N, C-alpha and C. Protein backbone atom coordinates (compact mmCIF):
# COMPACT_ATOMS: atom_id res chain seq x y z
N MET A 1 -1.12 -10.07 11.81
CA MET A 1 -1.86 -8.83 11.50
C MET A 1 -2.95 -8.62 12.57
N GLY A 2 -3.55 -9.65 13.00
CA GLY A 2 -4.67 -9.53 13.90
C GLY A 2 -4.35 -8.95 15.26
N ILE A 3 -3.34 -9.48 15.96
CA ILE A 3 -2.97 -8.93 17.28
C ILE A 3 -2.62 -7.46 17.27
N PRO A 4 -1.80 -7.07 16.35
CA PRO A 4 -1.45 -5.56 16.35
C PRO A 4 -2.74 -4.70 16.12
N ASN A 5 -3.67 -5.13 15.27
CA ASN A 5 -4.82 -4.30 15.03
C ASN A 5 -5.77 -4.33 16.23
N ILE A 6 -5.77 -5.42 16.94
CA ILE A 6 -6.72 -5.47 18.14
C ILE A 6 -6.04 -4.56 19.21
N LEU A 7 -4.74 -4.58 19.39
CA LEU A 7 -4.07 -3.70 20.29
C LEU A 7 -4.39 -2.24 19.96
N LEU A 8 -4.24 -1.89 18.71
CA LEU A 8 -4.49 -0.49 18.34
C LEU A 8 -5.96 -0.12 18.55
N TYR A 9 -6.90 -1.00 18.24
CA TYR A 9 -8.24 -0.64 18.40
C TYR A 9 -8.62 -0.40 19.88
N PHE A 10 -8.22 -1.29 20.74
CA PHE A 10 -8.67 -1.21 22.10
C PHE A 10 -7.91 -0.07 22.89
N PHE A 11 -6.70 0.14 22.55
CA PHE A 11 -5.88 1.05 23.33
C PHE A 11 -5.94 2.51 22.86
N ILE A 12 -5.99 2.77 21.56
CA ILE A 12 -5.82 4.08 21.07
C ILE A 12 -7.01 4.49 20.19
N GLY A 13 -8.08 3.88 20.25
CA GLY A 13 -9.29 4.28 19.43
C GLY A 13 -9.69 5.68 19.78
N LYS A 14 -9.77 6.01 21.07
CA LYS A 14 -10.18 7.32 21.57
C LYS A 14 -9.11 8.35 21.17
N VAL A 15 -7.85 7.98 21.19
CA VAL A 15 -6.75 8.88 20.87
C VAL A 15 -6.89 9.30 19.38
N ASN A 16 -7.06 8.22 18.55
CA ASN A 16 -7.22 8.52 17.04
C ASN A 16 -8.44 9.36 16.84
N THR A 17 -9.50 9.12 17.51
CA THR A 17 -10.76 9.91 17.34
C THR A 17 -10.50 11.39 17.72
N LEU A 18 -9.81 11.60 18.89
CA LEU A 18 -9.44 12.95 19.30
C LEU A 18 -8.61 13.69 18.30
N LEU A 19 -7.51 13.04 17.86
CA LEU A 19 -6.64 13.62 16.89
C LEU A 19 -7.38 13.92 15.56
N TYR A 20 -8.17 13.04 15.17
CA TYR A 20 -8.95 13.20 13.97
C TYR A 20 -9.96 14.32 14.06
N ALA A 21 -10.62 14.43 15.12
CA ALA A 21 -11.64 15.53 15.39
C ALA A 21 -10.92 16.88 15.46
N ASP A 22 -9.72 16.89 15.98
CA ASP A 22 -8.96 18.19 16.15
C ASP A 22 -8.09 18.50 14.88
N ARG A 23 -8.35 17.69 13.82
CA ARG A 23 -7.62 17.87 12.53
C ARG A 23 -6.08 17.66 12.66
N ASN A 24 -5.74 16.69 13.49
CA ASN A 24 -4.30 16.48 13.69
C ASN A 24 -4.01 15.02 13.30
N ILE A 25 -4.70 14.50 12.29
CA ILE A 25 -4.49 13.17 11.79
C ILE A 25 -3.08 13.02 11.21
N HIS A 26 -2.46 14.11 10.76
CA HIS A 26 -1.15 14.06 10.27
C HIS A 26 -0.13 13.47 11.26
N ILE A 27 -0.38 13.68 12.51
CA ILE A 27 0.52 13.15 13.58
C ILE A 27 0.56 11.58 13.43
N ILE A 28 -0.68 10.98 13.26
CA ILE A 28 -0.71 9.54 13.19
C ILE A 28 -0.12 9.05 11.89
N THR A 29 -0.33 9.84 10.78
CA THR A 29 0.24 9.39 9.51
C THR A 29 1.73 9.46 9.54
N ILE A 30 2.33 10.56 10.07
CA ILE A 30 3.77 10.62 10.17
C ILE A 30 4.36 9.54 11.00
N LEU A 31 3.70 9.34 12.19
CA LEU A 31 4.21 8.32 13.07
C LEU A 31 4.10 6.97 12.46
N ASP A 32 3.02 6.60 11.75
CA ASP A 32 2.96 5.32 11.01
C ASP A 32 4.04 5.18 9.97
N ALA A 33 4.29 6.26 9.24
CA ALA A 33 5.29 6.22 8.21
C ALA A 33 6.66 5.92 8.79
N VAL A 34 7.02 6.68 9.82
CA VAL A 34 8.31 6.54 10.46
C VAL A 34 8.46 5.17 11.04
N LEU A 35 7.44 4.69 11.85
CA LEU A 35 7.55 3.39 12.47
C LEU A 35 7.55 2.27 11.36
N GLY A 36 6.79 2.46 10.35
CA GLY A 36 6.79 1.52 9.19
C GLY A 36 8.21 1.30 8.62
N ILE A 37 8.86 2.41 8.38
CA ILE A 37 10.22 2.38 7.85
C ILE A 37 11.19 1.68 8.84
N ILE A 38 11.12 2.14 10.08
CA ILE A 38 12.03 1.58 11.09
C ILE A 38 11.84 0.08 11.23
N PHE A 39 10.60 -0.37 11.34
CA PHE A 39 10.36 -1.78 11.53
C PHE A 39 10.57 -2.60 10.23
N ALA A 40 10.46 -1.97 9.02
CA ALA A 40 10.80 -2.73 7.86
C ALA A 40 12.31 -3.01 7.86
N VAL A 41 13.11 -2.00 8.22
CA VAL A 41 14.56 -2.17 8.32
C VAL A 41 14.90 -3.22 9.42
N ILE A 42 14.23 -3.21 10.52
CA ILE A 42 14.47 -4.17 11.61
C ILE A 42 14.11 -5.58 11.12
N LYS A 43 13.03 -5.76 10.34
CA LYS A 43 12.70 -7.04 9.81
C LYS A 43 13.70 -7.53 8.78
N VAL A 44 14.26 -6.65 7.95
CA VAL A 44 15.28 -7.04 7.00
C VAL A 44 16.50 -7.44 7.77
N ILE A 45 16.89 -6.74 8.82
CA ILE A 45 18.09 -7.09 9.63
C ILE A 45 17.85 -8.49 10.26
N ILE A 46 16.67 -8.71 10.85
CA ILE A 46 16.37 -10.03 11.47
C ILE A 46 16.54 -11.15 10.44
N ILE A 47 15.99 -10.96 9.27
CA ILE A 47 16.01 -11.99 8.22
C ILE A 47 17.49 -12.15 7.77
N ASN A 48 18.19 -11.11 7.56
CA ASN A 48 19.63 -11.25 7.17
C ASN A 48 20.54 -11.88 8.19
N LEU A 49 20.19 -11.72 9.44
CA LEU A 49 20.97 -12.35 10.50
C LEU A 49 20.53 -13.77 10.76
N GLY A 50 19.57 -14.27 9.98
CA GLY A 50 19.18 -15.71 10.06
C GLY A 50 18.09 -15.93 11.03
N GLY A 51 17.37 -14.81 11.42
CA GLY A 51 16.28 -14.98 12.36
C GLY A 51 15.13 -15.74 11.86
N THR A 52 14.37 -16.32 12.64
CA THR A 52 13.20 -17.10 12.23
C THR A 52 12.02 -16.21 12.00
N ILE A 53 10.93 -16.79 11.49
CA ILE A 53 9.74 -16.06 11.17
C ILE A 53 9.09 -15.58 12.49
N GLU A 54 9.30 -16.29 13.56
CA GLU A 54 8.72 -15.95 14.88
C GLU A 54 9.27 -14.55 15.27
N PHE A 55 10.59 -14.32 15.13
CA PHE A 55 11.22 -13.02 15.50
C PHE A 55 10.62 -11.90 14.64
N VAL A 56 10.44 -12.23 13.36
CA VAL A 56 9.90 -11.21 12.45
C VAL A 56 8.45 -10.82 12.87
N LEU A 57 7.65 -11.84 13.27
CA LEU A 57 6.28 -11.65 13.70
C LEU A 57 6.26 -10.88 15.08
N ILE A 58 7.25 -11.17 15.97
CA ILE A 58 7.27 -10.47 17.21
C ILE A 58 7.59 -9.00 17.01
N SER A 59 8.46 -8.71 16.03
CA SER A 59 8.74 -7.31 15.76
C SER A 59 7.54 -6.62 15.20
N GLN A 60 6.69 -7.34 14.55
CA GLN A 60 5.45 -6.76 13.96
C GLN A 60 4.43 -6.47 15.13
N ILE A 61 4.51 -7.15 16.22
CA ILE A 61 3.66 -6.93 17.35
C ILE A 61 4.24 -5.77 18.20
N VAL A 62 5.53 -5.52 18.22
CA VAL A 62 6.17 -4.47 18.96
C VAL A 62 5.83 -3.15 18.40
N SER A 63 5.72 -2.97 17.07
CA SER A 63 5.49 -1.70 16.41
C SER A 63 4.22 -1.05 16.94
N PRO A 64 3.03 -1.70 17.04
CA PRO A 64 1.89 -1.03 17.58
C PRO A 64 1.98 -0.66 19.04
N ILE A 65 2.78 -1.46 19.74
CA ILE A 65 2.91 -1.08 21.22
C ILE A 65 3.71 0.18 21.29
N ILE A 66 4.74 0.39 20.54
CA ILE A 66 5.50 1.62 20.52
C ILE A 66 4.59 2.80 20.03
N ARG A 67 3.79 2.54 18.99
CA ARG A 67 2.85 3.54 18.52
C ARG A 67 1.94 3.96 19.60
N ILE A 68 1.40 3.04 20.36
CA ILE A 68 0.40 3.38 21.44
C ILE A 68 1.08 4.24 22.46
N VAL A 69 2.27 3.90 22.86
CA VAL A 69 3.06 4.63 23.87
C VAL A 69 3.27 6.11 23.39
N ILE A 70 3.80 6.24 22.18
CA ILE A 70 4.14 7.54 21.64
C ILE A 70 2.88 8.39 21.51
N LEU A 71 1.77 7.80 21.00
CA LEU A 71 0.54 8.59 20.85
C LEU A 71 -0.01 8.99 22.16
N PHE A 72 0.04 8.09 23.25
CA PHE A 72 -0.49 8.48 24.52
C PHE A 72 0.35 9.62 25.11
N ILE A 73 1.66 9.54 25.00
CA ILE A 73 2.51 10.66 25.48
C ILE A 73 2.22 11.91 24.79
N TYR A 74 2.03 11.96 23.50
CA TYR A 74 1.73 13.11 22.68
C TYR A 74 0.42 13.77 23.20
N VAL A 75 -0.61 12.89 23.26
CA VAL A 75 -1.95 13.38 23.66
C VAL A 75 -1.98 13.89 25.05
N LYS A 76 -1.32 13.18 25.94
CA LYS A 76 -1.31 13.67 27.34
C LYS A 76 -0.68 15.06 27.47
N LYS A 77 0.36 15.30 26.66
CA LYS A 77 1.09 16.59 26.71
C LYS A 77 0.23 17.73 25.99
N LYS A 78 -0.34 17.39 24.75
CA LYS A 78 -1.06 18.39 24.01
C LYS A 78 -2.46 18.67 24.62
N TYR A 79 -3.13 17.64 25.07
CA TYR A 79 -4.47 17.75 25.61
C TYR A 79 -4.46 17.49 27.11
N ASN A 80 -3.66 18.21 27.85
CA ASN A 80 -3.55 17.93 29.27
C ASN A 80 -4.77 18.30 30.10
N TYR A 81 -5.69 19.02 29.48
CA TYR A 81 -6.93 19.44 30.14
C TYR A 81 -8.07 18.38 30.01
N ILE A 82 -7.81 17.27 29.23
CA ILE A 82 -8.86 16.25 29.14
C ILE A 82 -8.65 15.18 30.16
N ASP A 83 -9.70 14.81 30.87
CA ASP A 83 -9.67 13.75 31.84
C ASP A 83 -10.11 12.43 31.15
N PHE A 84 -9.08 11.59 30.87
CA PHE A 84 -9.38 10.36 30.15
C PHE A 84 -10.04 9.31 31.06
N LYS A 85 -10.09 9.56 32.32
CA LYS A 85 -10.68 8.61 33.26
C LYS A 85 -12.09 8.97 33.64
N ALA A 86 -12.58 10.08 33.05
CA ALA A 86 -13.95 10.49 33.34
C ALA A 86 -14.98 9.50 32.89
N LYS A 87 -16.07 9.34 33.51
CA LYS A 87 -17.07 8.42 33.18
C LYS A 87 -17.78 8.88 31.85
N PRO A 88 -17.90 8.07 30.83
CA PRO A 88 -18.45 8.48 29.58
C PRO A 88 -19.96 8.70 29.68
N ASP A 89 -20.50 9.64 28.89
CA ASP A 89 -21.93 9.91 28.74
C ASP A 89 -22.33 9.25 27.51
N ASN A 90 -22.93 7.93 27.69
CA ASN A 90 -23.24 7.17 26.57
C ASN A 90 -24.49 7.61 25.84
N SER A 91 -25.23 8.65 26.32
CA SER A 91 -26.38 9.11 25.64
C SER A 91 -26.10 9.62 24.23
N TYR A 92 -24.77 10.17 24.08
CA TYR A 92 -24.37 10.70 22.82
C TYR A 92 -24.11 9.57 21.77
N ILE A 93 -23.88 8.38 22.18
CA ILE A 93 -23.59 7.30 21.28
C ILE A 93 -24.65 6.24 21.31
N SER A 94 -25.88 6.68 21.27
CA SER A 94 -27.01 5.71 21.46
C SER A 94 -27.12 4.66 20.25
N LYS A 95 -26.49 5.07 19.12
CA LYS A 95 -26.59 4.14 17.94
C LYS A 95 -25.28 3.36 17.76
N ARG A 96 -24.51 3.25 18.83
CA ARG A 96 -23.25 2.49 18.64
C ARG A 96 -23.42 1.04 18.23
N TRP A 97 -24.54 0.42 18.67
CA TRP A 97 -24.68 -0.98 18.29
C TRP A 97 -25.06 -1.09 16.81
N SER A 98 -25.71 -0.09 16.23
CA SER A 98 -25.97 -0.10 14.86
C SER A 98 -24.68 0.06 14.11
N ALA A 99 -23.78 0.84 14.60
CA ALA A 99 -22.45 1.05 13.91
C ALA A 99 -21.71 -0.27 14.01
N LEU A 100 -21.70 -0.93 15.16
CA LEU A 100 -21.02 -2.28 15.26
C LEU A 100 -21.56 -3.25 14.25
N VAL A 101 -22.88 -3.32 14.16
CA VAL A 101 -23.48 -4.28 13.19
C VAL A 101 -23.00 -3.88 11.77
N HIS A 102 -22.99 -2.56 11.45
CA HIS A 102 -22.54 -2.10 10.19
C HIS A 102 -21.08 -2.55 9.89
N GLN A 103 -20.26 -2.47 10.89
CA GLN A 103 -18.84 -2.93 10.71
C GLN A 103 -18.78 -4.42 10.45
N PHE A 104 -19.50 -5.21 11.22
CA PHE A 104 -19.56 -6.66 10.97
C PHE A 104 -20.01 -6.98 9.56
N VAL A 105 -21.07 -6.32 9.08
CA VAL A 105 -21.59 -6.60 7.83
C VAL A 105 -20.57 -6.22 6.74
N GLY A 106 -19.89 -5.05 6.96
CA GLY A 106 -18.81 -4.70 6.03
C GLY A 106 -17.68 -5.75 6.02
N MET A 107 -17.34 -6.24 7.18
CA MET A 107 -16.30 -7.27 7.19
C MET A 107 -16.70 -8.55 6.48
N ILE A 108 -17.92 -8.98 6.66
CA ILE A 108 -18.46 -10.18 5.94
C ILE A 108 -18.48 -9.92 4.44
N THR A 109 -18.91 -8.68 4.05
CA THR A 109 -19.08 -8.35 2.59
C THR A 109 -17.70 -8.28 1.97
N ASN A 110 -16.76 -7.77 2.66
CA ASN A 110 -15.42 -7.56 2.10
C ASN A 110 -14.57 -8.85 2.08
N HIS A 111 -14.95 -9.89 2.85
CA HIS A 111 -14.07 -11.03 2.94
C HIS A 111 -14.77 -12.31 2.55
N THR A 112 -15.97 -12.26 2.02
CA THR A 112 -16.72 -13.49 1.68
C THR A 112 -16.09 -14.18 0.53
N ASP A 113 -15.49 -13.41 -0.42
CA ASP A 113 -14.85 -14.00 -1.58
C ASP A 113 -13.71 -14.94 -1.19
N VAL A 114 -12.88 -14.55 -0.31
CA VAL A 114 -11.75 -15.41 0.11
C VAL A 114 -12.19 -16.66 0.85
N ILE A 115 -13.20 -16.49 1.67
CA ILE A 115 -13.77 -17.65 2.41
C ILE A 115 -14.39 -18.61 1.42
N LEU A 116 -15.17 -18.16 0.50
CA LEU A 116 -15.76 -19.07 -0.51
C LEU A 116 -14.74 -19.73 -1.40
N LEU A 117 -13.72 -18.98 -1.79
CA LEU A 117 -12.66 -19.56 -2.63
C LEU A 117 -11.91 -20.62 -1.79
N GLY A 118 -11.69 -20.39 -0.51
CA GLY A 118 -11.04 -21.34 0.33
C GLY A 118 -11.81 -22.63 0.49
N VAL A 119 -13.15 -22.57 0.49
CA VAL A 119 -13.97 -23.72 0.69
C VAL A 119 -14.09 -24.47 -0.63
N PHE A 120 -14.34 -23.80 -1.70
CA PHE A 120 -14.69 -24.39 -2.98
C PHE A 120 -13.58 -24.43 -4.02
N SER A 121 -12.39 -24.00 -3.72
CA SER A 121 -11.30 -23.96 -4.69
C SER A 121 -10.05 -24.54 -4.03
N THR A 122 -8.99 -24.47 -4.79
CA THR A 122 -7.62 -24.91 -4.26
C THR A 122 -6.94 -23.71 -3.54
N LEU A 123 -6.04 -24.17 -2.72
CA LEU A 123 -5.29 -23.15 -2.01
C LEU A 123 -4.38 -22.31 -2.90
N SER A 124 -3.88 -22.95 -3.99
CA SER A 124 -3.07 -22.09 -4.92
C SER A 124 -3.95 -21.09 -5.60
N MET A 125 -5.24 -21.35 -5.88
CA MET A 125 -6.04 -20.37 -6.54
C MET A 125 -6.36 -19.24 -5.51
N VAL A 126 -6.60 -19.58 -4.24
CA VAL A 126 -6.78 -18.56 -3.24
C VAL A 126 -5.59 -17.73 -3.06
N SER A 127 -4.37 -18.38 -3.17
CA SER A 127 -3.16 -17.58 -3.04
C SER A 127 -3.01 -16.52 -4.10
N VAL A 128 -3.25 -16.93 -5.41
CA VAL A 128 -3.09 -16.07 -6.55
C VAL A 128 -4.19 -14.94 -6.39
N TYR A 129 -5.40 -15.35 -6.04
CA TYR A 129 -6.50 -14.32 -5.85
C TYR A 129 -6.10 -13.33 -4.78
N SER A 130 -5.51 -13.83 -3.70
CA SER A 130 -5.20 -12.91 -2.52
C SER A 130 -4.13 -11.91 -2.94
N VAL A 131 -3.20 -12.27 -3.78
CA VAL A 131 -2.20 -11.34 -4.21
C VAL A 131 -2.84 -10.22 -5.03
N TYR A 132 -3.74 -10.60 -5.99
CA TYR A 132 -4.35 -9.56 -6.75
C TYR A 132 -5.35 -8.71 -5.92
N ASN A 133 -5.99 -9.38 -4.98
CA ASN A 133 -6.93 -8.66 -4.10
C ASN A 133 -6.14 -7.76 -3.14
N TYR A 134 -4.91 -8.09 -2.76
CA TYR A 134 -4.07 -7.24 -1.94
C TYR A 134 -3.86 -5.94 -2.62
N ILE A 135 -3.46 -5.96 -3.86
CA ILE A 135 -3.13 -4.75 -4.68
C ILE A 135 -4.41 -3.90 -4.77
N TYR A 136 -5.55 -4.55 -5.10
CA TYR A 136 -6.79 -3.81 -5.27
C TYR A 136 -7.15 -3.14 -3.89
N SER A 137 -7.06 -3.91 -2.77
CA SER A 137 -7.52 -3.35 -1.54
C SER A 137 -6.62 -2.21 -1.08
N ASN A 138 -5.31 -2.26 -1.41
CA ASN A 138 -4.50 -1.10 -1.04
C ASN A 138 -4.82 0.11 -1.86
N ILE A 139 -5.12 -0.04 -3.09
CA ILE A 139 -5.54 1.08 -3.96
C ILE A 139 -6.85 1.61 -3.39
N SER A 140 -7.74 0.74 -3.09
CA SER A 140 -9.06 1.15 -2.52
C SER A 140 -8.88 1.91 -1.26
N ASN A 141 -7.99 1.44 -0.34
CA ASN A 141 -7.81 2.11 0.90
C ASN A 141 -7.23 3.51 0.75
N VAL A 142 -6.31 3.67 -0.22
CA VAL A 142 -5.75 4.97 -0.51
C VAL A 142 -6.80 5.95 -0.93
N LEU A 143 -7.65 5.43 -1.90
CA LEU A 143 -8.71 6.28 -2.39
C LEU A 143 -9.69 6.63 -1.28
N GLN A 144 -10.16 5.61 -0.46
CA GLN A 144 -11.03 5.91 0.60
C GLN A 144 -10.48 6.92 1.60
N THR A 145 -9.20 6.73 1.99
CA THR A 145 -8.64 7.65 2.95
C THR A 145 -8.52 9.03 2.44
N SER A 146 -8.16 9.20 1.14
CA SER A 146 -8.00 10.55 0.65
C SER A 146 -9.30 11.19 0.23
N LEU A 147 -10.26 10.45 -0.29
CA LEU A 147 -11.48 11.08 -0.74
C LEU A 147 -12.59 11.03 0.28
N LEU A 148 -12.67 10.01 1.10
CA LEU A 148 -13.80 9.83 2.00
C LEU A 148 -13.52 10.28 3.41
N SER A 149 -12.33 9.88 3.93
CA SER A 149 -12.00 10.07 5.34
C SER A 149 -11.53 11.54 5.61
N ALA A 150 -10.74 12.03 4.65
CA ALA A 150 -10.18 13.36 4.79
C ALA A 150 -11.13 14.47 5.17
N PRO A 151 -12.27 14.54 4.50
CA PRO A 151 -13.22 15.66 4.72
C PRO A 151 -14.06 15.53 5.99
N GLN A 152 -14.06 14.37 6.64
CA GLN A 152 -14.91 14.14 7.77
C GLN A 152 -14.73 15.09 8.92
N ALA A 153 -13.54 15.42 9.26
CA ALA A 153 -13.26 16.40 10.34
C ALA A 153 -13.81 17.77 9.97
N SER A 154 -13.69 18.14 8.74
CA SER A 154 -14.25 19.39 8.30
C SER A 154 -15.75 19.39 8.41
N PHE A 155 -16.44 18.30 8.07
CA PHE A 155 -17.88 18.27 8.16
C PHE A 155 -18.25 18.33 9.64
N GLY A 156 -17.47 17.77 10.54
CA GLY A 156 -17.82 17.91 11.94
C GLY A 156 -17.69 19.33 12.50
N LYS A 157 -16.70 20.04 12.01
CA LYS A 157 -16.52 21.44 12.37
C LYS A 157 -17.60 22.32 11.75
N TRP A 158 -17.92 22.06 10.48
CA TRP A 158 -19.02 22.84 9.78
C TRP A 158 -20.37 22.64 10.47
N TYR A 159 -20.62 21.36 10.85
CA TYR A 159 -21.86 20.98 11.48
C TYR A 159 -22.01 21.80 12.78
N GLN A 160 -20.93 21.90 13.51
CA GLN A 160 -21.01 22.56 14.84
C GLN A 160 -21.07 24.08 14.67
N SER A 161 -20.34 24.65 13.65
CA SER A 161 -20.26 26.13 13.64
C SER A 161 -21.14 26.78 12.67
N ASP A 162 -21.41 26.19 11.51
CA ASP A 162 -22.20 26.84 10.49
C ASP A 162 -23.71 26.59 10.70
N SER A 163 -24.52 27.26 9.86
CA SER A 163 -25.93 26.99 9.86
C SER A 163 -26.21 25.63 9.27
N LYS A 164 -27.30 25.08 9.61
CA LYS A 164 -27.69 23.70 9.12
C LYS A 164 -27.90 23.72 7.62
N GLU A 165 -28.40 24.82 7.12
CA GLU A 165 -28.62 24.94 5.68
C GLU A 165 -27.26 24.94 4.93
N LYS A 166 -26.32 25.71 5.41
CA LYS A 166 -25.02 25.71 4.73
C LYS A 166 -24.27 24.41 4.85
N PHE A 167 -24.43 23.74 6.01
CA PHE A 167 -23.84 22.39 6.16
C PHE A 167 -24.47 21.44 5.24
N ASN A 168 -25.79 21.42 5.09
CA ASN A 168 -26.47 20.47 4.23
C ASN A 168 -26.14 20.74 2.79
N THR A 169 -25.90 21.98 2.38
CA THR A 169 -25.49 22.29 1.02
C THR A 169 -24.07 21.69 0.76
N ARG A 170 -23.15 21.90 1.64
CA ARG A 170 -21.78 21.29 1.49
C ARG A 170 -21.84 19.79 1.45
N PHE A 171 -22.65 19.22 2.38
CA PHE A 171 -22.71 17.77 2.45
C PHE A 171 -23.26 17.17 1.17
N ALA A 172 -24.34 17.81 0.65
CA ALA A 172 -24.96 17.34 -0.59
C ALA A 172 -23.95 17.45 -1.73
N ALA A 173 -23.16 18.44 -1.79
CA ALA A 173 -22.12 18.57 -2.90
C ALA A 173 -21.10 17.50 -2.72
N PHE A 174 -20.63 17.19 -1.49
CA PHE A 174 -19.72 16.11 -1.29
C PHE A 174 -20.29 14.71 -1.63
N GLU A 175 -21.57 14.54 -1.22
CA GLU A 175 -22.21 13.31 -1.52
C GLU A 175 -22.40 13.08 -3.04
N LEU A 176 -22.73 14.15 -3.77
CA LEU A 176 -22.81 14.14 -5.28
C LEU A 176 -21.51 13.76 -5.81
N PHE A 177 -20.40 14.30 -5.33
CA PHE A 177 -19.05 13.97 -5.84
C PHE A 177 -18.74 12.55 -5.65
N ILE A 178 -19.00 12.09 -4.42
CA ILE A 178 -18.64 10.66 -4.13
C ILE A 178 -19.47 9.66 -4.97
N PHE A 179 -20.68 9.90 -5.15
CA PHE A 179 -21.52 8.90 -5.85
C PHE A 179 -21.42 9.01 -7.42
N PHE A 180 -20.90 10.14 -7.92
CA PHE A 180 -20.75 10.31 -9.31
C PHE A 180 -19.31 10.53 -9.63
């Protein structure tokens, strides 16, 4: 799981951000669904043919590579006016280190339980806990994606085009909905 996610983060983070900002996140969702089905079938075939776990894991690494290639081709065609080799203006992201620290703190907060169980409990207990936690984390991810992530592109557009007062009213209503 680690290597595919690292590949995705380093190679297509800017592509995901561009598609998200342009309200084309459905492209990523459809691509992930199609590739997920294709590689699930490939894994079943590998297992049924007597393939080892190494081959199954290699197929898991190939999926993000194909995703990267397809997304880059799509973005190069759709956004051919963007120069991806241009030097970035980092003044717009002056708080990037704060965001990085926030991500690390979130990672520590979300995974401390498994680490502590691994140190102070048996591996069978950690295994049972991980199965239940897997179900909970998937439900949580679905809710976060649909309730929290979906409106973000709209807020960016509203912030850019509407008056600040109108934006603040909408954001306050969203914030009230999320916290209650």
